[in-house]
Protein backbone atom coordinates (compact mmCIF):
# COMPACT_ATOMS: atom_id res chain seq x y z
CA MET A 1 209.78 246.41 137.27
CA PRO A 2 210.18 243.85 133.98
CA ARG A 3 208.88 246.96 132.20
CA LEU A 4 211.66 249.12 133.32
CA ARG A 5 214.13 246.63 132.39
CA ARG A 6 212.47 246.01 129.06
CA SER A 7 212.71 249.63 128.13
CA ALA A 8 216.38 250.14 129.47
CA ARG A 9 217.45 247.27 126.92
CA GLU A 10 215.51 248.51 124.02
CA ARG A 11 217.53 252.12 124.80
CA ARG A 12 220.83 250.23 124.95
CA LEU A 13 219.74 248.42 121.81
CA LYS A 14 219.00 251.67 120.03
CA PRO A 15 222.06 252.75 117.97
CA LYS A 16 223.70 256.20 119.02
CA LEU A 17 225.65 258.81 117.57
CA ASN A 18 228.47 260.69 118.79
CA ALA A 19 227.51 264.25 119.87
CA GLU A 20 230.32 266.05 118.11
CA VAL A 21 229.17 264.50 114.67
CA TRP A 22 225.50 265.65 115.53
CA ALA A 23 226.87 269.15 116.14
CA TRP A 24 228.80 269.04 112.81
CA LEU A 25 225.55 268.03 110.88
CA ASN A 26 223.82 271.02 112.66
CA GLY A 27 226.74 273.59 111.25
CA LYS A 28 229.42 273.17 113.34
CA PRO A 29 232.94 273.70 111.10
CA GLU A 30 234.94 270.74 110.92
CA GLU A 31 237.71 272.90 112.21
CA GLU A 32 236.14 273.36 115.65
CA LEU A 33 235.69 269.49 116.22
CA SER A 34 238.10 267.32 118.28
CA THR A 35 240.34 265.05 116.61
CA ALA A 36 237.91 262.06 118.19
CA GLY A 37 235.25 264.05 116.44
CA ARG A 38 236.81 264.18 112.89
CA TRP A 39 237.65 260.51 113.14
CA ALA A 40 234.04 259.69 113.68
CA VAL A 41 232.93 261.61 110.72
CA TYR A 42 235.78 259.80 108.69
CA ILE A 43 234.84 256.42 110.25
CA LEU A 44 231.20 256.96 109.77
CA GLU A 45 231.47 257.88 105.61
CA GLY A 46 233.61 254.81 105.62
CA PRO A 47 232.82 251.31 104.29
CA ALA A 48 229.13 251.29 104.78
CA VAL A 49 228.61 254.75 102.61
CA HIS A 50 231.15 253.54 99.94
CA ALA A 51 229.39 250.15 99.62
CA TRP A 52 225.98 251.51 99.37
CA ARG A 53 224.24 252.42 96.00
CA PRO A 54 221.80 254.75 96.75
CA PRO A 55 218.63 254.74 94.13
CA ASP A 56 219.49 257.71 92.30
CA GLY A 57 223.26 256.87 91.74
CA PRO A 58 226.56 256.93 93.49
CA PRO A 59 227.62 260.69 92.86
CA ASP A 60 226.11 262.22 95.92
CA ARG A 61 226.14 259.25 98.07
CA VAL A 62 228.04 260.41 101.09
CA ASP A 63 225.10 263.53 101.22
CA GLN A 64 222.49 260.96 101.13
CA PHE A 65 224.20 258.95 103.93
CA TRP A 66 224.31 261.99 106.13
CA ASP A 67 220.81 262.96 105.18
CA ARG A 68 219.46 259.53 106.23
CA VAL A 69 221.40 259.81 109.56
CA TYR A 70 219.95 263.55 110.21
CA GLU A 71 216.50 262.05 109.75
CA ALA A 72 216.78 259.13 111.90
CA VAL A 73 217.96 261.30 114.73
CA GLU A 74 215.06 263.63 113.78
CA ASN A 75 212.64 260.66 113.79
CA GLY A 76 213.78 259.17 117.26
CA ASP A 77 215.52 255.92 115.49
CA LEU A 78 219.16 257.09 116.54
CA GLU A 79 220.23 258.59 119.63
CA VAL A 80 222.95 261.49 120.10
CA ALA A 81 225.24 260.65 123.10
CA GLU A 82 228.34 261.84 124.39
CA ASP A 83 230.11 258.99 125.28
CA VAL A 84 229.94 257.24 121.77
CA GLU A 85 233.08 255.85 119.83
CA HIS A 86 232.57 254.73 116.35
CA ASN A 87 234.75 251.92 114.83
CA PHE A 88 235.11 250.65 111.55
CA ALA A 89 233.52 247.08 112.52
CA ASP A 90 230.35 248.93 113.90
CA PRO A 91 227.20 248.17 111.84
CA PRO A 92 225.71 251.05 109.80
CA LEU A 93 223.74 253.91 111.84
CA VAL A 94 220.97 253.71 109.24
CA ASP A 95 219.40 250.55 107.44
CA LEU A 96 220.98 251.38 104.05
CA GLU A 97 218.74 248.59 102.64
CA GLN A 98 215.51 250.28 103.22
CA PHE A 99 216.92 253.29 101.21
CA GLY A 100 217.80 251.51 98.08
CA GLY A 101 219.93 248.59 99.36
CA ALA A 102 223.57 247.87 99.65
CA ALA A 103 226.01 247.06 96.80
């Protein structure tokens, strides 16, 4: 029983990505997203991305951020879920420091 509780707790602690954002990352046009989905993209691209300085400079940091998010989902470090609401106060979805540090 403790093993089941531990694995459930670990699943709850794993960061989650809104399913609509994942669909957008896989090519769904932004116009087809709900208002909540578009807001989620806007919020996730917000402070964390704009404070981050990737190793090869700021010009394409938004694209690099989304590449990191995509990789995190593919690697199983980030879970996709339907019932996720993203807020500006949430911690970043991916550890930006491991990819070259924050500002």
